[in-house]
Amino acid sequence: MFSPTMDLTLSPDDRRILASMLRSMTLGAGLVRRARVVLALADGETYAAICAAHGVTDKYIAQWKRRVREGGILALGDLPRNGRPNRLDPRVEAKILATTHEPPPAPLTHWTTRRMAARIGVSHMTVAKVWQRAGLKPHRLERYLASDDPDFETKAADVIGLYLAPPTNAVVFSVDEKTAIQALDRLDPVLPLSPGRAERHGFEYKRNGTLSLYAALNVATGEVEGMTAARHTSAQFLRFLDRVIATQSPRREIHLICDNLSAHKTKAVAEWLVAHPRVTLHYTPTYSSWLNQVERWFAKIERDMIARGIFTSVADLRRKLMQYIRLHNKTCQPIRWAYNNPKHRMRAG
């Protein structure tokens, strides 16, 4: 049986635009199907193969073959119809999306709606609408920190295993310290919130010193054991560990998850571990603090108390930190933590 083919050559720009149309989450299904058919024809596929792969007819292929040969890929759009015109031409949208993934003219670092509008020849509001529909935000920048630990997978699997399947009759604690918490007092009165107006703090403040907060999160229950210290040293770290293990039965096996801070790896720590054989330290991979559950709790106390707190002295800060821990432990729950990408080596910066 005769299987016609199409002698069609697409320019690199045409291929790029068509490929971007295939990835679009906002273009109509009909327009995307036409782009697939044209790319298949340009790749030398037969009518029969295209019909079988895309559920179209020979007549459909011939129609869009003729349209593209006569008017280029811009002819893939629908012809004008009666009634209100489509204010957002799919062809223009595809061109905007494709150009957005290209670098702007040097030395600029990112596209803005007005820069893109000048490039494409549309209004900046049209660009904004296309970006909003596609979920693109060129003005946003997120930073990440990649782990360079050669044993990343092994260490990550060890920590994840403790979360998902802890040893029988053992307790697992996620341990870390939040350093240099400032005891800040406001010099101006706090103005309470009122209808249409948020709570307001004066810009100027008084520094009353700093504290470090050691915390051990019980992975199974969500309960937190805490201790404040003027400095975060290896000696203070061991003092805190003594308090943590004192809360457990003398025969119970204890697993502690902590990061790679130098204070956690001193000779004194090694000697302490020898003297406490029922305790095992598990270190997270480098630059992977997101694997340590207690970091989630530190973020919570920062939001709930520290960021907007007013502390008249270091003693006041210490009292309120411990008060928060007691309040948390009354209603604590384990963290519902998931890790669904074994190849993930990054965290939010």
Protein backbone atom coordinates (compact mmCIF):
# COMPACT_ATOMS: atom_id res chain seq x y z
CA MET A 1 0.00 0.00 0.00
CA PHE A 2 1.25 3.49 -0.86
CA SER A 3 2.29 5.52 2.20
CA PRO A 4 2.85 9.16 1.25
CA THR A 5 5.51 11.17 3.00
CA MET A 6 6.13 14.89 3.22
CA ASP A 7 9.24 16.63 2.07
CA LEU A 8 9.40 19.31 4.76
CA THR A 9 12.37 21.05 6.28
CA LEU A 10 11.94 23.10 9.45
CA SER A 11 14.36 25.80 10.50
CA PRO A 12 15.96 25.50 13.98
CA ASP A 13 13.73 28.35 15.19
CA ASP A 14 10.61 26.63 13.90
CA ARG A 15 11.59 23.39 15.60
CA ARG A 16 12.29 25.21 18.86
CA ILE A 17 8.89 26.92 18.81
CA LEU A 18 7.06 23.70 17.96
CA ALA A 19 8.91 21.85 20.73
CA SER A 20 7.91 24.53 23.23
CA MET A 21 4.30 24.14 22.11
CA LEU A 22 4.47 20.43 22.95
CA ARG A 23 5.64 21.25 26.50
CA SER A 24 3.03 23.94 27.07
CA MET A 25 0.42 23.31 29.76
CA THR A 26 -1.89 26.06 28.47
CA LEU A 27 -2.19 25.64 24.68
CA GLY A 28 -5.24 23.89 23.32
CA ALA A 29 -5.03 20.18 22.58
CA GLY A 30 -5.86 20.74 18.91
CA LEU A 31 -2.96 23.12 18.36
CA VAL A 32 -0.56 20.79 20.16
CA ARG A 33 -1.71 17.87 17.98
CA ARG A 34 -1.00 19.89 14.84
CA ALA A 35 2.51 20.67 16.11
CA ARG A 36 3.15 16.96 16.74
CA VAL A 37 1.98 16.03 13.25
CA VAL A 38 4.16 18.68 11.59
CA LEU A 39 7.23 17.60 13.55
CA ALA A 40 6.56 13.98 12.64
CA LEU A 41 6.27 14.90 8.96
CA ALA A 42 9.48 16.89 9.10
CA ASP A 43 11.19 13.85 10.65
CA GLY A 44 10.19 11.80 7.59
CA GLU A 45 7.48 9.64 9.14
CA THR A 46 4.85 8.20 6.80
CA TYR A 47 1.19 9.11 6.77
CA ALA A 48 0.34 5.65 8.00
CA ALA A 49 2.70 5.89 10.96
CA ILE A 50 1.41 9.35 11.90
CA CYS A 51 -2.23 8.24 11.65
CA ALA A 52 -1.55 5.29 13.92
CA ALA A 53 0.46 7.29 16.48
CA HIS A 54 -1.76 10.37 16.75
CA GLY A 55 -5.23 9.15 15.81
CA VAL A 56 -5.63 11.45 12.80
CA THR A 57 -6.64 10.87 9.16
CA ASP A 58 -4.82 11.29 5.86
CA LYS A 59 -7.09 14.24 5.12
CA TYR A 60 -6.08 15.90 8.39
CA ILE A 61 -2.39 15.48 7.61
CA ALA A 62 -2.81 16.78 4.05
CA GLN A 63 -4.67 19.84 5.30
CA TRP A 64 -1.97 20.93 7.73
CA LYS A 65 0.77 19.97 5.28
CA ARG A 66 -0.66 22.44 2.80
CA ARG A 67 -1.17 25.13 5.44
CA VAL A 68 2.42 24.92 6.70
CA ARG A 69 3.92 24.84 3.21
CA GLU A 70 1.97 27.97 2.28
CA GLY A 71 2.15 29.99 5.49
CA GLY A 72 4.83 28.46 7.71
CA ILE A 73 4.23 27.26 11.27
CA LEU A 74 2.22 30.39 12.05
CA ALA A 75 -0.47 28.87 9.82
CA LEU A 76 -1.06 26.17 12.46
CA GLY A 77 -3.37 28.59 14.26
CA ASP A 78 -7.09 28.62 13.64
CA LEU A 79 -8.42 30.81 10.85
CA PRO A 80 -10.41 33.91 11.88
CA ARG A 81 -14.00 33.14 12.81
CA ASN A 82 -17.14 35.20 13.34
CA GLY A 83 -17.65 36.67 16.77
CA ARG A 84 -15.22 38.10 19.30
CA PRO A 85 -11.61 37.41 18.30
CA ASN A 86 -9.21 35.51 20.54
CA ARG A 87 -7.18 38.22 22.24
CA LEU A 88 -4.34 35.83 23.04
CA ASP A 89 -3.14 34.25 19.80
CA PRO A 90 -1.76 30.74 20.50
CA ARG A 91 1.07 31.37 18.06
CA VAL A 92 2.10 34.51 19.94
CA GLU A 93 1.82 32.64 23.23
CA ALA A 94 4.09 29.88 21.94
CA LYS A 95 6.66 32.42 20.78
CA ILE A 96 6.63 34.20 24.15
CA LEU A 97 7.09 30.92 26.03
CA ALA A 98 9.95 29.83 23.78
CA THR A 99 11.75 33.18 24.06
CA THR A 100 11.33 33.22 27.85
CA HIS A 101 13.60 30.18 28.08
CA GLU A 102 16.34 32.01 26.20
CA PRO A 103 18.75 34.46 27.87
CA PRO A 104 17.92 38.15 27.44
CA PRO A 105 20.32 40.50 25.63
CA ALA A 106 23.65 40.91 27.45
CA PRO A 107 24.36 42.09 30.07
CA LEU A 108 20.78 41.71 31.35
CA THR A 109 20.14 38.73 33.63
CA HIS A 110 16.41 38.09 33.23
CA TRP A 111 13.33 38.98 31.26
CA THR A 112 10.73 41.49 32.41
CA THR A 113 7.27 41.86 30.91
CA ARG A 114 8.27 45.07 29.15
CA ARG A 115 11.53 43.66 27.77
CA MET A 116 9.68 40.66 26.42
CA ALA A 117 6.89 42.84 25.05
CA ALA A 118 9.43 44.92 23.12
CA ARG A 119 11.04 41.76 21.72
CA ILE A 120 7.78 40.09 20.62
CA GLY A 121 5.85 43.22 19.66
CA VAL A 122 2.91 42.87 22.07
CA SER A 123 1.79 44.68 25.20
CA HIS A 124 3.45 43.94 28.51
CA MET A 125 0.06 42.88 29.89
CA THR A 126 -0.13 40.17 27.22
CA VAL A 127 3.28 38.88 28.35
CA ALA A 128 2.16 38.94 31.98
CA LYS A 129 -0.96 36.96 31.10
CA VAL A 130 1.04 34.32 29.20
CA TRP A 131 3.56 33.94 32.05
CA GLN A 132 0.77 33.68 34.62
CA ARG A 133 -0.99 30.95 32.66
CA ALA A 134 2.26 29.03 32.22
CA GLY A 135 3.37 29.49 35.85
CA LEU A 136 6.57 31.31 34.83
CA LYS A 137 8.13 33.94 37.11
CA PRO A 138 11.39 35.20 35.53
CA HIS A 139 11.76 37.86 38.23
CA ARG A 140 12.04 35.19 40.93
CA LEU A 141 15.35 33.63 41.92
CA GLU A 142 15.83 30.70 44.28
CA ARG A 143 19.17 29.57 45.62
CA TYR A 144 20.25 26.05 46.43
CA LEU A 145 23.22 24.38 48.04
CA ALA A 146 24.46 21.15 46.51
CA SER A 147 25.92 18.43 48.73
CA ASP A 148 29.43 17.44 47.71
CA ASP A 149 29.54 14.47 50.09
CA PRO A 150 30.81 11.39 48.19
CA ASP A 151 28.91 9.19 50.67
CA PHE A 152 25.67 11.12 50.28
CA GLU A 153 23.49 8.12 49.38
CA THR A 154 24.85 5.95 52.18
CA LYS A 155 24.45 8.60 54.88
CA ALA A 156 21.05 9.72 53.61
CA ALA A 157 19.79 6.13 53.55
CA ASP A 158 21.02 5.65 57.13
CA VAL A 159 19.09 8.70 58.38
CA ILE A 160 15.97 7.91 56.36
CA GLY A 161 16.03 4.35 57.69
CA LEU A 162 15.94 5.68 61.24
CA TYR A 163 12.87 7.77 60.38
CA LEU A 164 10.95 5.05 58.56
CA ALA A 165 12.02 1.92 60.42
CA PRO A 166 13.79 2.69 63.72
CA PRO A 167 15.44 -0.21 65.57
CA THR A 168 13.14 -2.13 67.90
CA ASN A 169 13.05 -0.85 71.49
CA ALA A 170 15.25 2.12 70.54
CA VAL A 171 14.59 5.86 70.56
CA VAL A 172 15.68 8.24 67.79
CA PHE A 173 16.40 11.91 68.42
CA SER A 174 17.05 14.60 65.84
CA VAL A 175 19.57 16.94 67.48
CA ASP A 176 20.94 20.37 66.61
CA GLU A 177 21.47 23.87 67.97
CA LYS A 178 19.99 27.19 66.92
CA THR A 179 22.80 29.65 67.49
CA ALA A 180 23.00 33.37 68.21
CA ILE A 181 19.33 33.98 69.01
CA GLN A 182 19.19 37.70 69.75
CA ALA A 183 17.38 39.10 72.75
CA LEU A 184 15.97 42.20 71.06
CA ASP A 185 13.88 44.79 72.89
CA ARG A 186 11.92 47.44 71.00
CA LEU A 187 12.60 51.07 71.86
CA ASP A 188 9.18 52.24 70.65
CA PRO A 189 5.77 50.98 71.80
CA VAL A 190 4.18 48.14 69.84
CA LEU A 191 1.02 49.31 68.07
CA PRO A 192 -1.59 46.54 68.07
CA LEU A 193 -3.42 45.43 64.96
CA SER A 194 -6.66 47.13 64.07
CA PRO A 195 -9.13 46.77 61.19
CA GLY A 196 -7.19 47.27 57.97
CA ARG A 197 -3.84 47.64 59.73
CA ALA A 198 -1.27 45.05 60.80
CA GLU A 199 0.52 45.02 64.14
CA ARG A 200 3.41 47.49 64.00
CA HIS A 201 6.82 47.38 65.67
CA GLY A 202 9.18 50.30 65.91
CA PHE A 203 12.20 50.15 63.62
CA GLU A 204 14.78 50.77 66.34
CA TYR A 205 15.68 48.12 68.88
CA LYS A 206 18.08 47.40 71.72
CA ARG A 207 20.41 44.38 71.72
CA ASN A 208 20.47 42.57 75.05
CA GLY A 209 22.80 39.71 74.12
CA THR A 210 22.39 36.29 72.49
CA LEU A 211 21.68 32.68 73.40
CA SER A 212 22.07 29.33 71.70
CA LEU A 213 19.26 26.80 71.93
CA TYR A 214 20.02 23.07 71.88
CA ALA A 215 17.07 20.89 70.91
CA ALA A 216 16.50 17.14 70.58
CA LEU A 217 13.34 16.14 68.74
CA ASN A 218 11.96 12.70 69.55
CA VAL A 219 11.18 11.43 66.05
CA ALA A 220 8.48 9.02 67.26
CA THR A 221 6.50 11.50 69.37
CA GLY A 222 7.52 15.00 68.29
CA GLU A 223 8.44 15.89 71.88
CA VAL A 224 11.39 18.26 72.28
CA GLU A 225 14.07 18.34 74.96
CA GLY A 226 15.76 21.75 75.08
CA MET A 227 18.63 23.56 76.76
CA THR A 228 19.97 27.08 76.37
CA ALA A 229 23.65 28.03 76.49
CA ALA A 230 25.66 31.21 76.17
CA ARG A 231 27.92 29.55 73.56
CA HIS A 232 27.71 26.49 71.34
CA THR A 233 30.81 24.48 72.17
CA SER A 234 31.63 20.80 72.25
CA ALA A 235 31.41 20.85 76.04
CA GLN A 236 27.93 22.37 75.95
CA PHE A 237 26.90 19.84 73.29
CA LEU A 238 27.98 16.95 75.55
CA ARG A 239 26.26 18.54 78.52
CA PHE A 240 23.06 18.60 76.47
CA LEU A 241 23.48 14.97 75.40
CA ASP A 242 23.79 13.99 79.06
CA ARG A 243 20.42 15.63 79.66
CA VAL A 244 18.85 13.86 76.68
CA ILE A 245 19.97 10.35 77.62
CA ALA A 246 18.93 10.98 81.23
CA THR A 247 15.32 11.08 80.01
CA GLN A 248 15.55 7.47 78.78
CA SER A 249 15.79 4.08 80.45
CA PRO A 250 19.43 3.09 81.22
CA ARG A 251 19.04 0.00 79.03
CA ARG A 252 17.41 1.69 76.06
CA GLU A 253 19.36 2.09 72.83
CA ILE A 254 19.58 5.72 71.68
CA HIS A 255 20.23 7.01 68.16
CA LEU A 256 21.09 10.67 67.64
CA ILE A 257 20.93 12.38 64.23
CA CYS A 258 23.06 15.51 63.91
CA ASP A 259 24.92 17.55 61.30
CA ASN A 260 28.64 17.91 60.59
CA LEU A 261 29.39 20.88 62.86
CA SER A 262 32.94 20.65 64.16
CA ALA A 263 31.66 20.76 67.77
CA HIS A 264 29.90 17.44 67.09
CA LYS A 265 33.10 15.67 66.01
CA THR A 266 35.70 16.57 68.61
CA LYS A 267 37.90 14.18 70.53
CA ALA A 268 35.74 14.80 73.60
CA VAL A 269 32.67 13.65 71.68
CA ALA A 270 34.45 10.49 70.55
CA GLU A 271 35.47 9.73 74.15
CA TRP A 272 31.92 10.40 75.34
CA LEU A 273 30.55 7.89 72.81
CA VAL A 274 33.00 5.25 74.03
CA ALA A 275 31.77 5.86 77.58
CA HIS A 276 28.14 5.55 76.42
CA PRO A 277 28.02 2.46 74.18
CA ARG A 278 24.22 2.49 73.97
CA VAL A 279 24.34 5.83 72.11
CA THR A 280 25.02 6.00 68.35
CA LEU A 281 25.61 9.23 66.46
CA HIS A 282 24.42 9.42 62.84
CA TYR A 283 25.74 12.31 60.76
CA THR A 284 23.75 13.78 57.88
CA PRO A 285 25.60 14.33 54.58
CA THR A 286 27.37 17.68 54.19
CA TYR A 287 25.11 20.62 53.30
CA SER A 288 22.02 18.48 53.89
CA SER A 289 20.49 19.90 57.05
CA TRP A 290 17.06 19.40 55.44
CA LEU A 291 17.50 15.71 56.34
CA ASN A 292 17.46 16.65 60.02
CA GLN A 293 13.87 16.88 61.29
CA VAL A 294 14.69 19.23 64.14
CA GLU A 295 15.36 21.94 61.52
CA ARG A 296 11.62 21.90 60.82
CA TRP A 297 10.96 22.54 64.48
CA PHE A 298 13.52 25.38 64.56
CA ALA A 299 11.66 27.00 61.68
CA LYS A 300 8.45 26.71 63.66
CA ILE A 301 9.79 28.32 66.83
CA GLU A 302 11.29 31.08 64.68
CA ARG A 303 7.86 31.85 63.21
CA ASP A 304 5.87 31.39 66.41
CA MET A 305 8.03 33.23 68.92
CA ILE A 306 11.46 34.52 67.96
CA ALA A 307 10.85 36.63 64.83
CA ARG A 308 8.32 38.95 66.48
CA GLY A 309 9.39 38.41 70.07
CA ILE A 310 10.35 41.19 72.46
CA PHE A 311 12.96 40.23 75.05
CA THR A 312 14.04 42.60 77.76
CA SER A 313 17.12 40.53 78.68
CA VAL A 314 18.92 37.27 77.99
CA ALA A 315 17.16 35.81 81.02
CA ASP A 316 13.81 36.85 79.55
CA LEU A 317 14.74 35.19 76.25
CA ARG A 318 15.77 31.98 78.05
CA ARG A 319 12.53 31.88 80.03
CA LYS A 320 10.35 32.34 76.94
CA LEU A 321 12.27 29.73 74.92
CA MET A 322 11.73 27.10 77.60
CA GLN A 323 8.11 28.20 78.02
CA TYR A 324 7.57 27.63 74.31
CA ILE A 325 9.07 24.13 74.51
CA ARG A 326 6.74 23.20 77.38
CA LEU A 327 3.76 24.53 75.42
CA HIS A 328 4.84 22.60 72.32
CA ASN A 329 5.19 19.33 74.23
CA LYS A 330 1.60 19.49 75.46
CA THR A 331 0.22 18.97 71.95
CA CYS A 332 3.24 17.67 70.04
CA GLN A 333 2.94 15.24 67.15
CA PRO A 334 5.56 13.46 65.05
CA ILE A 335 6.57 15.20 61.85
CA ARG A 336 5.07 13.71 58.70
CA TRP A 337 8.28 13.73 56.69
CA ALA A 338 8.69 12.42 53.13
CA TYR A 339 11.73 11.88 50.92
CA ASN A 340 10.64 10.86 47.45
CA ASN A 341 13.79 11.45 45.39
CA PRO A 342 16.79 9.25 46.31
CA LYS A 343 18.99 11.29 43.93
CA HIS A 344 18.15 14.60 45.58
CA ARG A 345 21.26 16.43 46.77
CA MET A 346 19.94 19.93 47.32
CA ARG A 347 18.06 21.99 49.83
CA ALA A 348 16.57 25.41 49.78
CA GLY A 349 19.14 28.09 50.42
